[in-house]
C-alpha cells in the first residue's frame, strides 16, 4: 500500500475554517506540544471518513443501485477499476493511516479517549469496506512504505477482527482517568457515553448482517439479546452517529451531492420508480426528499406531468436537455430546497401527501449553488436504523422485544429526524405536525398488522429503505441480505445486479499480492 499525504490541502482548509457546529472547533494549547498532534489527527480521520464513505462513489453508486436516484452508467451496473478507485485509495491513504497514528500515539500517551474513538472508527470503516468489496487488505494495510504489497484478508476474518476492535474501543473508553478529546471530536464532542452507544450499535448492525450464516445463528441471537438487555444502544435521535457537512463554498465543505446537483449541470436524475413509490403510497417524505424545478415535468423531458420528472433505472438513452426541468434532491438529507409547491393530480383520498398549506402562487425555480445550505448529513448509524434492525431481528431470529414496537419507533424517529433537520441552522422547511406523524405511523402499523410473517418483514424493510434515503450503502446491504424491498428491473442493464463493488485499478496494478478483479456476481461472505 503506497503511503500518501494523510489529508489533502483542500480538505484541511475546509476543516480548519469551518464553523463550530460543522467540521471542527478546537482550542489547542501551544504549551502542550504532544496534544495538538492528536487534536488535529482525530478530526482529520472523521472528515475523511465522512467524505470518502458518505460523499464518494461508495454512497453515490449505492444510492443509484438501490434506485434512490439514477445515472446512466451506474444504473446499468457498468463499473470499472476506476469507479471506486478514489474512495479506496483515500480511505487507506487518509482515514485509516491517520487512525493508526491516533491509536499509536494515543496509546503511548495513555490518551484512551482518542484511542477508543479511533478503534471504533476503524471498525466502522473496515466493516463498510468488507460489505462493499469482500476481501481487502487489513492485517498488513498499515505498514506504510514498509509494505507496499499488503495481502488481502478474507472478509469473514476481518469481521472477526472488527468485533474485537469494537470491544477494545469500548474498553479503552471506559479506562480512567478519561481525558475527553472535546471539540477535536467533531461527531460527539468527546462524549464517551455516546461513543460507547455507537460501538454497541455498530456491533448490533454487524450481528444482524451475519445472521444468515448457520454457524453464527446462536451466537447472533445471544449477543443481540445481551445488547438489548444492556440498554446501551443508540436510542434517541440526539445520539445518532452522523457526519455533518458544512455550508460554505469557499472553502467548499457542503455535501458533495448538493454540490453535484445544485448547479447548471447535474450528475443525477431522481429515480422515477422511487418518486412514484412515495407518491402512490401517500408518503409525505416526498416533499423533503425531492425538489421539483417546474410544476409539469415528467419522465423523458415531457412537460405533461406533475413535476416529478426523472428517469427509470437502467434507461440507456442519451441525456435529454432537461437540467433546468428535471426534479432534483430536496432539503433532506443534502441541504437542498424544501418543496412546498402544489402538486397537481393528488388523490383526494390522501391524508399525508396533500396540498394543504402549500405556496400560492407556486414558487418553483431552477436550483443554483446558492439554493439551500448544502449543510447535509450522512447518517451512519442512527436511532432509526437501530430500531429497524431490532425489528428485523425480532421477526427473523425471535430476539427480545416486539417487532411492531420497534417498527413504530423507527418510523417515528425518521420523521422526527427530518423535522429536526429542516429546522436546523441554514435550512428552511415546514416540519410535519405531531398529528401527521402519529397518523402516518399508525397507517404503516396497520399494514404491518394485516400482513403475514413474510409480509411483516416486507413492511419493515420497505420502510427502512425509504427512511435510509441518503445512505444507499445500508440499503444495498439490506437488499443483498433480504431481497427486499422489491425493486424495478432496470430497463437495459449491461451487467447483472452487482453483489460487490470493483477493486481499485491502481491497487490491482501496484500491489503484487492483489487478487484478480472482483467478480460482481460473487456474494460477500454474509450474503447467503
Protein backbone atom coordinates (compact mmCIF):
# COMPACT_ATOMS: atom_id res chain seq x y z
CA UNK A 1 0.00 0.00 0.00
CA UNK A 2 1.57 3.25 -1.07
CA UNK A 3 1.88 5.94 1.54
CA UNK A 4 0.22 9.21 0.56
CA UNK A 5 -0.35 12.53 2.29
CA UNK A 6 -2.87 11.90 5.04
CA UNK A 7 -5.23 14.70 4.09
CA UNK A 8 -5.42 16.94 1.06
CA UNK A 9 -4.69 20.64 1.43
CA UNK A 10 -8.19 21.48 0.31
CA UNK A 11 -9.83 19.31 2.93
CA UNK A 12 -7.57 20.61 5.69
CA UNK A 13 -8.51 24.15 4.73
CA UNK A 14 -12.18 23.23 4.75
CA UNK A 15 -11.83 21.64 8.18
CA UNK A 16 -9.87 24.40 9.83
CA UNK A 17 -12.08 27.25 8.63
CA UNK A 18 -15.48 25.70 9.30
CA UNK A 19 -17.85 26.92 11.98
CA UNK A 20 -18.04 25.31 15.39
CA UNK A 21 -21.17 23.30 14.65
CA UNK A 22 -19.84 21.96 11.36
CA UNK A 23 -16.47 20.32 10.81
CA UNK A 24 -14.20 21.48 13.57
CA UNK A 25 -13.89 23.79 16.54
CA UNK A 26 -10.78 23.23 18.64
CA UNK A 27 -8.67 25.22 21.04
CA UNK A 28 -5.08 23.97 21.04
CA UNK A 29 -2.75 24.88 23.88
CA UNK A 30 0.64 25.68 22.28
CA UNK A 31 2.34 24.91 25.60
CA UNK A 32 1.42 21.21 25.38
CA UNK A 33 3.09 20.08 22.15
CA UNK A 34 2.12 16.42 22.44
CA UNK A 35 -1.61 17.09 22.45
CA UNK A 36 -2.15 19.12 19.27
CA UNK A 37 -1.00 16.20 17.11
CA UNK A 38 -3.95 14.16 18.29
CA UNK A 39 -6.23 17.20 18.25
CA UNK A 40 -5.57 17.60 14.52
CA UNK A 41 -5.37 13.94 13.57
CA UNK A 42 -8.69 12.90 15.12
CA UNK A 43 -10.91 15.36 13.22
CA UNK A 44 -8.94 14.60 10.06
CA UNK A 45 -9.94 10.94 10.39
CA UNK A 46 -13.58 11.91 10.80
CA UNK A 47 -13.65 14.31 7.86
CA UNK A 48 -12.00 11.74 5.63
CA UNK A 49 -14.40 9.03 6.82
CA UNK A 50 -17.46 11.21 6.16
CA UNK A 51 -16.30 12.34 2.72
CA UNK A 52 -14.84 9.06 1.44
CA UNK A 53 -17.83 6.98 2.52
CA UNK A 54 -20.78 9.38 2.60
CA UNK A 55 -19.78 11.69 -0.22
CA UNK A 56 -17.83 9.45 -2.57
CA UNK A 57 -18.72 6.91 -5.24
CA UNK A 58 -19.39 4.35 -2.50
CA UNK A 59 -22.55 6.09 -1.34
CA UNK A 60 -23.34 7.69 -4.69
CA UNK A 61 -23.29 4.42 -6.63
CA UNK A 62 -25.09 2.54 -3.84
CA UNK A 63 -27.78 5.24 -4.00
CA UNK A 64 -28.15 4.59 -7.73
CA UNK A 65 -28.00 0.80 -7.49
CA UNK A 66 -30.76 0.95 -4.87
CA UNK A 67 -32.86 3.30 -7.02
CA UNK A 68 -32.99 6.32 -4.74
CA UNK A 69 -31.57 8.26 -7.68
CA UNK A 70 -30.24 7.28 -11.08
CA UNK A 71 -27.39 7.79 -13.51
CA UNK A 72 -26.91 6.37 -16.99
CA UNK A 73 -24.00 4.01 -16.41
CA UNK A 74 -24.29 3.16 -12.71
CA UNK A 75 -27.97 2.26 -13.06
CA UNK A 76 -26.94 -0.17 -15.80
CA UNK A 77 -24.28 -1.68 -13.48
CA UNK A 78 -21.40 -0.54 -15.67
CA UNK A 79 -18.46 -0.42 -13.25
CA UNK A 80 -14.73 -0.49 -13.90
CA UNK A 81 -11.49 -0.45 -11.93
CA UNK A 82 -11.65 3.33 -11.68
CA UNK A 83 -15.27 3.61 -10.49
CA UNK A 84 -14.38 3.33 -6.80
CA UNK A 85 -10.64 3.97 -7.05
CA UNK A 86 -10.61 7.39 -5.39
CA UNK A 87 -12.62 6.24 -2.36
CA UNK A 88 -10.47 3.10 -1.99
CA UNK A 89 -7.20 5.00 -2.24
CA UNK A 90 -8.26 7.79 0.10
CA UNK A 91 -9.71 5.53 2.78
CA UNK A 92 -6.37 3.79 3.06
CA UNK A 93 -4.15 6.82 2.46
CA UNK A 94 -6.11 9.28 4.60
CA UNK A 95 -8.61 7.93 7.10
CA UNK A 96 -7.01 4.61 8.02
CA UNK A 97 -3.45 5.95 8.02
CA UNK A 98 -4.41 8.77 10.37
CA UNK A 99 -6.44 6.41 12.54
CA UNK A 100 -3.37 4.19 13.05
CA UNK A 101 -1.38 7.25 14.08
CA UNK A 102 -4.05 8.22 16.61
CA UNK A 103 -4.07 4.71 18.06
CA UNK A 104 -0.27 4.54 18.24
CA UNK A 105 0.35 7.99 19.68
CA UNK A 106 -2.72 7.88 21.93
CA UNK A 107 -1.61 4.55 23.38
CA UNK A 108 1.92 5.86 24.01
CA UNK A 109 0.46 8.83 25.91
CA UNK A 110 -2.40 6.96 27.63
CA UNK A 111 -4.90 9.18 25.82
CA UNK A 112 -7.53 6.46 25.89
CA UNK A 113 -10.39 8.65 24.69
CA UNK A 114 -8.59 9.22 21.39
CA UNK A 115 -7.61 5.56 21.16
CA UNK A 116 -11.11 4.25 21.83
CA UNK A 117 -12.71 6.59 19.30
CA UNK A 118 -10.11 5.73 16.65
CA UNK A 119 -10.66 2.00 17.13
CA UNK A 120 -14.43 2.40 16.70
CA UNK A 121 -13.88 4.48 13.57
CA UNK A 122 -11.53 1.82 12.23
CA UNK A 123 -14.10 -0.88 12.95
CA UNK A 124 -16.81 1.07 11.14
CA UNK A 125 -14.67 1.80 8.07
CA UNK A 126 -13.43 -1.78 7.65
CA UNK A 127 -16.94 -3.18 8.09
CA UNK A 128 -18.12 -0.96 5.23
CA UNK A 129 -15.16 -1.99 3.07
CA UNK A 130 -15.88 -5.69 3.61
CA UNK A 131 -19.57 -5.16 2.91
CA UNK A 132 -18.79 -3.48 -0.41
CA UNK A 133 -15.65 -5.27 -1.64
CA UNK A 134 -15.39 -8.53 0.29
CA UNK A 135 -11.70 -9.35 0.82
CA UNK A 136 -9.50 -6.29 1.40
CA UNK A 137 -6.06 -5.54 2.92
CA UNK A 138 -6.34 -5.44 6.72
CA UNK A 139 -3.60 -7.05 8.79
CA UNK A 140 -0.82 -5.64 6.58
CA UNK A 141 -2.57 -2.49 5.45
CA UNK A 142 -0.93 -0.11 7.90
CA UNK A 143 2.69 -0.73 7.05
CA UNK A 144 3.09 2.45 5.03
CA UNK A 145 6.21 2.38 2.86
CA UNK A 146 7.37 -0.65 4.82
CA UNK A 147 4.89 -2.83 2.94
CA UNK A 148 3.69 -1.71 -0.45
CA UNK A 149 2.14 -5.11 -1.19
CA UNK A 150 -0.24 -5.96 1.66
CA UNK A 151 -2.15 -9.20 1.42
CA UNK A 152 -5.92 -9.25 1.03
CA UNK A 153 -7.56 -10.74 4.12
CA UNK A 154 -10.79 -12.71 3.90
CA UNK A 155 -13.92 -10.72 4.69
CA UNK A 156 -15.07 -13.13 7.39
CA UNK A 157 -11.70 -12.86 9.16
CA UNK A 158 -11.84 -9.06 9.04
CA UNK A 159 -15.34 -9.13 10.54
CA UNK A 160 -13.99 -11.18 13.45
CA UNK A 161 -11.25 -8.61 13.97
CA UNK A 162 -13.80 -5.80 13.73
CA UNK A 163 -15.86 -7.30 16.55
CA UNK A 164 -12.70 -7.44 18.65
CA UNK A 165 -11.87 -3.83 17.74
CA UNK A 166 -15.29 -2.71 18.95
CA UNK A 167 -14.74 -4.42 22.29
CA UNK A 168 -11.25 -2.92 22.58
CA UNK A 169 -12.53 0.55 21.72
CA UNK A 170 -15.26 0.39 24.34
CA UNK A 171 -12.78 -0.93 26.92
CA UNK A 172 -10.42 1.96 26.15
CA UNK A 173 -13.23 4.47 26.54
CA UNK A 174 -14.01 3.00 29.95
CA UNK A 175 -10.47 3.45 31.23
CA UNK A 176 -9.83 6.06 33.89
CA UNK A 177 -8.97 8.80 34.05
CA UNK A 178 -10.89 9.67 30.89
CA UNK A 179 -9.43 12.72 29.17
CA UNK A 180 -12.05 13.92 26.70
CA UNK A 181 -10.93 14.93 23.19
CA UNK A 182 -13.55 17.68 23.47
CA UNK A 183 -14.23 19.65 20.31
CA UNK A 184 -11.50 17.90 18.36
CA UNK A 185 -14.08 15.10 18.15
CA UNK A 186 -16.44 16.68 15.63
CA UNK A 187 -19.05 13.92 15.86
CA UNK A 188 -19.77 13.53 19.60
CA UNK A 189 -17.62 16.32 21.13
CA UNK A 190 -15.69 13.80 23.20
CA UNK A 191 -18.75 12.30 24.94
CA UNK A 192 -17.60 8.77 25.67
CA UNK A 193 -21.10 7.58 26.63
CA UNK A 194 -22.26 8.36 23.09
CA UNK A 195 -19.26 6.63 21.53
CA UNK A 196 -19.98 3.55 23.64
CA UNK A 197 -23.56 3.57 22.36
CA UNK A 198 -22.20 3.90 18.84
CA UNK A 199 -19.91 0.91 19.37
CA UNK A 200 -22.72 -1.26 20.71
CA UNK A 201 -24.99 -0.18 17.85
CA UNK A 202 -22.30 -0.98 15.28
CA UNK A 203 -21.97 -4.41 16.86
CA UNK A 204 -25.76 -4.85 16.60
CA UNK A 205 -25.66 -3.90 12.92
CA UNK A 206 -22.88 -6.38 12.15
CA UNK A 207 -24.52 -9.19 14.13
CA UNK A 208 -27.68 -8.72 12.09
CA UNK A 209 -25.55 -8.65 8.94
CA UNK A 210 -24.19 -12.15 9.59
CA UNK A 211 -27.45 -13.66 10.84
CA UNK A 212 -27.83 -15.87 7.72
CA UNK A 213 -24.63 -17.80 8.45
CA UNK A 214 -25.84 -21.07 10.09
CA UNK A 215 -22.83 -21.42 12.39
CA UNK A 216 -23.36 -17.89 13.71
CA UNK A 217 -27.09 -18.01 14.42
CA UNK A 218 -26.99 -18.98 18.10
CA UNK A 219 -24.22 -16.50 18.84
CA UNK A 220 -26.06 -13.73 16.97
CA UNK A 221 -29.25 -14.30 18.96
CA UNK A 222 -27.36 -14.44 22.25
CA UNK A 223 -25.34 -11.30 21.58
CA UNK A 224 -28.26 -9.27 20.23
CA UNK A 225 -30.30 -10.16 23.30
CA UNK A 226 -27.36 -9.13 25.51
CA UNK A 227 -27.17 -5.76 23.73
CA UNK A 228 -30.89 -5.24 24.22
CA UNK A 229 -30.64 -6.16 27.91
CA UNK A 230 -27.65 -3.85 28.31
CA UNK A 231 -29.80 -0.89 27.26
CA UNK A 232 -26.77 0.94 25.88
CA UNK A 233 -27.60 1.24 22.19
CA UNK A 234 -28.33 4.44 20.29
CA UNK A 235 -31.89 5.10 21.47
CA UNK A 236 -32.63 8.76 20.69
CA UNK A 237 -32.01 10.91 17.63
CA UNK A 238 -29.61 13.12 19.57
CA UNK A 239 -27.33 10.08 19.94
CA UNK A 240 -27.11 9.41 16.18
CA UNK A 241 -23.71 8.63 14.69
CA UNK A 242 -23.91 11.15 11.86
CA UNK A 243 -21.40 13.12 9.84
CA UNK A 244 -22.43 16.72 9.25
CA UNK A 245 -21.22 18.70 6.27
CA UNK A 246 -20.78 22.46 6.27
CA UNK A 247 -22.47 25.27 4.39
CA UNK A 248 -19.61 27.24 2.87
CA UNK A 249 -18.45 27.36 -0.73
CA UNK A 250 -15.04 28.91 -0.06
CA UNK A 251 -13.59 26.67 1.19
CA UNK A 252 -16.04 24.06 -0.11
CA UNK A 253 -17.42 21.84 2.64
CA UNK A 254 -21.01 21.29 1.51
CA UNK A 255 -22.47 17.85 0.99
CA UNK A 256 -20.94 16.51 -2.25
CA UNK A 257 -24.34 15.52 -3.63
CA UNK A 258 -25.63 19.06 -3.09
CA UNK A 259 -22.56 20.28 -4.97
CA UNK A 260 -23.26 17.80 -7.79
CA UNK A 261 -26.85 18.81 -8.44
CA UNK A 262 -27.34 22.39 -7.32
CA UNK A 263 -25.67 23.79 -10.42
CA UNK A 264 -26.43 24.18 -14.13
CA UNK A 265 -25.08 20.72 -14.97
CA UNK A 266 -26.27 17.80 -12.87
CA UNK A 267 -24.86 14.38 -12.07
CA UNK A 268 -28.13 12.66 -11.18
CA UNK A 269 -31.75 12.22 -12.09
CA UNK A 270 -34.22 11.36 -9.38
CA UNK A 271 -35.29 7.75 -9.81
CA UNK A 272 -38.74 7.72 -11.34
CA UNK A 273 -39.72 4.49 -9.64
CA UNK A 274 -38.71 5.79 -6.21
CA UNK A 275 -40.68 9.01 -6.66
CA UNK A 276 -43.71 7.05 -7.84
CA UNK A 277 -43.38 4.71 -4.86
CA UNK A 278 -43.68 7.66 -2.46
CA UNK A 279 -46.35 9.44 -4.49
CA UNK A 280 -48.53 6.34 -4.84
CA UNK A 281 -48.30 5.41 -1.15
CA UNK A 282 -49.26 8.85 0.20
CA UNK A 283 -45.84 9.38 1.74
CA UNK A 284 -45.19 12.95 2.97
CA UNK A 285 -41.43 12.44 2.80
CA UNK A 286 -41.61 13.05 -0.94
CA UNK A 287 -41.66 16.81 -0.33
CA UNK A 288 -38.47 16.60 1.74
CA UNK A 289 -36.55 14.14 -0.46
CA UNK A 290 -37.32 15.71 -3.87
CA UNK A 291 -37.47 19.25 -5.17
CA UNK A 292 -39.36 19.94 -8.43
CA UNK A 293 -37.82 22.67 -10.54
CA UNK A 294 -41.05 23.00 -12.54
CA UNK A 295 -44.67 22.04 -11.93
CA UNK A 296 -45.23 19.93 -15.03
CA UNK A 297 -42.07 17.97 -15.83
CA UNK A 298 -42.36 14.25 -16.40
CA UNK A 299 -40.17 11.36 -17.38
CA UNK A 300 -38.01 11.73 -20.52
CA UNK A 301 -38.25 15.51 -20.74
CA UNK A 302 -42.05 15.56 -21.08
CA UNK A 303 -43.96 18.57 -19.75
CA UNK A 304 -47.35 17.00 -19.09
CA UNK A 305 -46.95 15.59 -15.59
CA UNK A 306 -46.76 16.88 -12.01
CA UNK A 307 -43.13 18.00 -11.88
CA UNK A 308 -41.67 14.71 -10.67
CA UNK A 309 -39.61 14.28 -13.80
CA UNK A 310 -36.80 11.77 -13.51
CA UNK A 311 -35.59 8.65 -15.26
CA UNK A 312 -36.33 4.98 -14.79
CA UNK A 313 -33.42 2.86 -13.66
CA UNK A 314 -31.28 1.45 -16.44
CA UNK A 315 -32.53 3.86 -19.09
CA UNK A 316 -29.96 3.56 -21.92
CA UNK A 317 -30.99 6.62 -23.90
CA UNK A 318 -28.87 9.71 -24.17
CA UNK A 319 -29.25 12.52 -21.67
CA UNK A 320 -32.01 14.91 -22.69
CA UNK A 321 -31.62 18.66 -22.28
CA UNK A 322 -33.51 18.65 -19.01
CA UNK A 323 -31.08 20.10 -16.45
CA UNK A 324 -33.42 23.02 -15.77
CA UNK A 325 -36.54 20.85 -15.75
CA UNK A 326 -35.85 17.53 -14.04
CA UNK A 327 -36.64 17.03 -10.36
CA UNK A 328 -33.62 17.11 -8.06
CA UNK A 329 -32.67 16.35 -4.48
CA UNK A 330 -34.69 18.16 -1.83
CA UNK A 331 -33.87 19.50 1.58
CA UNK A 332 -33.28 16.20 3.40
CA UNK A 333 -30.59 14.98 3.85
CA UNK A 334 -28.48 17.01 1.41
CA UNK A 335 -29.33 20.57 2.44
CA UNK A 336 -31.27 21.50 -0.70
CA UNK A 337 -34.69 23.08 -1.02
CA UNK A 338 -37.97 22.06 0.58
CA UNK A 339 -40.76 21.63 -2.00
CA UNK A 340 -43.83 23.39 -0.64
CA UNK A 341 -45.46 23.90 -4.04
CA UNK A 342 -48.83 22.44 -5.03
CA UNK A 343 -48.81 19.02 -6.66
CA UNK A 344 -51.29 18.57 -9.49
CA UNK A 345 -53.48 15.49 -9.56
CA UNK A 346 -53.08 14.39 -5.96
CA UNK A 347 -55.77 11.86 -4.99
CA UNK A 348 -58.45 13.45 -2.85
CA UNK A 349 -58.19 10.47 -0.51
CA UNK A 350 -54.63 11.38 0.50
CA UNK A 351 -54.11 12.00 4.19
CA UNK A 352 -50.42 12.85 4.35
CA UNK A 353 -49.13 13.99 0.96
CA UNK A 354 -51.56 16.85 0.38
CA UNK A 355 -51.64 20.43 -0.87
CA UNK A 356 -52.75 21.88 2.44
CA UNK A 357 -50.67 24.94 3.32
CA UNK A 358 -48.66 24.98 0.10
CA UNK A 359 -47.40 28.05 -1.75
CA UNK A 360 -49.94 30.18 -3.58
CA UNK A 361 -48.92 31.01 -6.21
CA UNK A 362 -46.38 28.26 -6.80
CA UNK A 363 -42.72 29.24 -6.45
CA UNK A 364 -40.78 26.65 -8.46
CA UNK A 365 -37.30 27.62 -9.59
CA UNK A 366 -34.24 26.24 -11.30
CA UNK A 367 -31.79 25.50 -8.50
CA UNK A 368 -28.34 27.02 -8.26
CA UNK A 369 -25.38 26.91 -5.92
CA UNK A 370 -26.93 29.45 -3.55
CA UNK A 371 -30.14 27.44 -3.10
CA UNK A 372 -30.26 25.53 0.14
CA UNK A 373 -27.48 25.43 2.67
CA UNK A 374 -25.64 22.36 1.45
CA UNK A 375 -25.20 21.55 5.14
CA UNK A 376 -26.34 17.99 4.63
CA UNK A 377 -25.72 14.90 6.69
CA UNK A 378 -24.53 11.36 6.15
CA UNK A 379 -26.39 9.17 8.66
CA UNK A 380 -24.02 6.32 9.53
CA UNK A 381 -25.74 4.59 12.48
CA UNK A 382 -28.90 6.13 13.86
CA UNK A 383 -31.77 5.60 16.24
CA UNK A 384 -33.92 4.95 13.18
CA UNK A 385 -31.55 2.26 11.91
CA UNK A 386 -31.19 0.59 15.31
CA UNK A 387 -34.94 0.18 15.67
CA UNK A 388 -35.31 -1.20 12.15
CA UNK A 389 -32.52 -3.69 12.85
CA UNK A 390 -34.19 -4.76 16.08
CA UNK A 391 -37.48 -5.21 14.23
CA UNK A 392 -35.80 -7.37 11.58
CA UNK A 393 -34.02 -9.44 14.21
CA UNK A 394 -37.21 -9.95 16.21
CA UNK A 395 -39.04 -11.17 13.10
CA UNK A 396 -36.30 -13.40 11.70
CA UNK A 397 -34.47 -14.60 14.81
CA UNK A 398 -37.01 -14.24 17.59
CA UNK A 399 -34.79 -11.92 19.58
CA UNK A 400 -36.20 -9.97 22.50
CA UNK A 401 -38.70 -7.19 22.03
CA UNK A 402 -41.75 -6.56 19.90
CA UNK A 403 -41.15 -6.07 16.16
CA UNK A 404 -44.22 -3.85 15.87
CA UNK A 405 -42.98 -1.53 18.61
CA UNK A 406 -39.54 -1.36 17.02
CA UNK A 407 -41.15 -0.50 13.67
CA UNK A 408 -43.23 2.22 15.31
CA UNK A 409 -40.13 3.67 16.97
CA UNK A 410 -38.12 3.52 13.72
CA UNK A 411 -40.60 5.37 11.52
CA UNK A 412 -41.29 7.93 14.23
CA UNK A 413 -37.56 8.55 14.69
CA UNK A 414 -37.08 9.01 10.95
CA UNK A 415 -39.88 11.58 10.67
CA UNK A 416 -38.62 13.44 13.73
CA UNK A 417 -35.10 13.49 12.31
CA UNK A 418 -36.45 15.12 9.15
CA UNK A 419 -38.26 17.69 11.28
CA UNK A 420 -35.12 18.50 13.23
CA UNK A 421 -33.10 18.80 10.05
CA UNK A 422 -35.44 21.21 8.25
CA UNK A 423 -35.45 23.47 11.31
CA UNK A 424 -31.67 23.43 11.79
CA UNK A 425 -29.40 26.37 11.05
CA UNK A 426 -29.29 27.27 7.36
CA UNK A 427 -32.22 25.07 6.36
CA UNK A 428 -35.81 26.10 5.81
CA UNK A 429 -38.78 23.77 5.60
CA UNK A 430 -42.19 23.11 7.08
CA UNK A 431 -41.99 20.41 9.74
CA UNK A 432 -44.50 17.59 9.89
CA UNK A 433 -47.07 18.11 12.61
CA UNK A 434 -47.24 15.73 15.54
CA UNK A 435 -50.72 14.70 14.41
CA UNK A 436 -49.50 13.82 10.91
CA UNK A 437 -46.58 11.84 12.30
CA UNK A 438 -48.83 9.84 14.60
CA UNK A 439 -51.42 9.18 11.90
CA UNK A 440 -48.81 8.20 9.31
CA UNK A 441 -47.06 5.81 11.70
CA UNK A 442 -50.42 4.24 12.60
CA UNK A 443 -51.16 3.83 8.90
CA UNK A 444 -47.95 1.86 8.38
CA UNK A 445 -48.57 -0.16 11.54
CA UNK A 446 -51.97 -1.14 10.17
CA UNK A 447 -50.22 -2.51 7.07
CA UNK A 448 -47.86 -4.44 9.33
CA UNK A 449 -50.75 -5.84 11.39
CA UNK A 450 -52.62 -7.01 8.28
CA UNK A 451 -49.62 -8.87 6.84
CA UNK A 452 -48.45 -12.46 7.33
CA UNK A 453 -44.94 -13.08 8.65
CA UNK A 454 -43.26 -12.61 5.27
CA UNK A 455 -45.37 -9.53 4.68
CA UNK A 456 -44.38 -8.07 8.03
CA UNK A 457 -40.71 -8.32 7.11
CA UNK A 458 -41.52 -6.70 3.78
CA UNK A 459 -43.16 -3.76 5.56
CA UNK A 460 -40.15 -3.36 7.86
CA UNK A 461 -37.57 -3.50 5.07
CA UNK A 462 -39.57 -1.29 2.71
CA UNK A 463 -39.99 1.37 5.38
CA UNK A 464 -36.30 1.12 6.22
CA UNK A 465 -35.43 1.51 2.54
CA UNK A 466 -37.43 4.73 2.35
CA UNK A 467 -36.02 6.02 5.65
CA UNK A 468 -32.44 5.29 4.53
CA UNK A 469 -32.60 7.86 1.72
CA UNK A 470 -29.16 9.46 1.96
CA UNK A 471 -27.35 6.26 2.92
CA UNK A 472 -27.53 3.96 -0.07
CA UNK A 473 -24.85 1.69 1.38
CA UNK A 474 -27.12 0.42 4.16
CA UNK A 475 -29.99 -0.13 1.71
CA UNK A 476 -27.58 -2.05 -0.55
CA UNK A 477 -26.55 -4.24 2.39
CA UNK A 478 -30.18 -4.81 3.36
CA UNK A 479 -31.24 -5.72 -0.16
CA UNK A 480 -28.49 -8.29 -0.60
CA UNK A 481 -29.32 -9.82 2.78
CA UNK A 482 -33.14 -9.89 2.46
CA UNK A 483 -34.06 -9.30 -1.20
CA UNK A 484 -36.32 -6.51 -0.01
CA UNK A 485 -37.90 -4.22 -0.97
CA UNK A 486 -38.97 -5.24 -4.47
CA UNK A 487 -37.11 -3.03 -6.94
CA UNK A 488 -37.89 -2.22 -10.56
CA UNK A 489 -36.00 -4.23 -13.15
CA UNK A 490 -33.51 -1.96 -14.95
CA UNK A 491 -34.59 -1.17 -18.49
CA UNK A 492 -31.30 -2.10 -20.15
CA UNK A 493 -28.63 -3.36 -17.75
CA UNK A 494 -25.15 -4.01 -19.11
CA UNK A 495 -24.33 -6.46 -16.31
CA UNK A 496 -26.22 -8.49 -13.69
CA UNK A 497 -27.07 -6.87 -10.35
CA UNK A 498 -23.73 -6.35 -8.54
CA UNK A 499 -23.21 -8.32 -5.36
CA UNK A 500 -19.99 -6.42 -4.60
CA UNK A 501 -18.00 -3.49 -5.98
CA UNK A 502 -14.92 -3.44 -8.21
CA UNK A 503 -11.45 -3.08 -6.75
CA UNK A 504 -9.29 -0.02 -7.37
CA UNK A 505 -7.37 -0.46 -10.61
CA UNK A 506 -4.36 1.25 -9.03
CA UNK A 507 -4.33 -1.29 -6.22
CA UNK A 508 -4.52 -4.19 -8.65
CA UNK A 509 -1.67 -2.87 -10.78
CA UNK A 510 0.71 -1.81 -7.99
CA UNK A 511 0.14 -4.48 -5.32
CA UNK A 512 1.78 -7.79 -6.24
CA UNK A 513 -0.41 -9.57 -3.67
CA UNK A 514 -3.66 -8.26 -5.14
CA UNK A 515 -6.13 -10.83 -6.47
CA UNK A 516 -7.90 -10.65 -9.80
CA UNK A 517 -10.58 -8.03 -10.24
CA UNK A 518 -13.68 -8.69 -8.16
CA UNK A 519 -16.40 -10.81 -9.72
CA UNK A 520 -19.50 -8.66 -9.35
CA UNK A 521 -21.79 -11.68 -9.21
CA UNK A 522 -19.92 -13.35 -6.33
CA UNK A 523 -21.60 -12.54 -2.98
CA UNK A 524 -19.67 -11.34 0.05
CA UNK A 525 -19.33 -13.86 2.84
CA UNK A 526 -22.50 -12.94 4.76
CA UNK A 527 -24.74 -12.84 1.67
CA UNK A 528 -26.12 -16.39 1.56
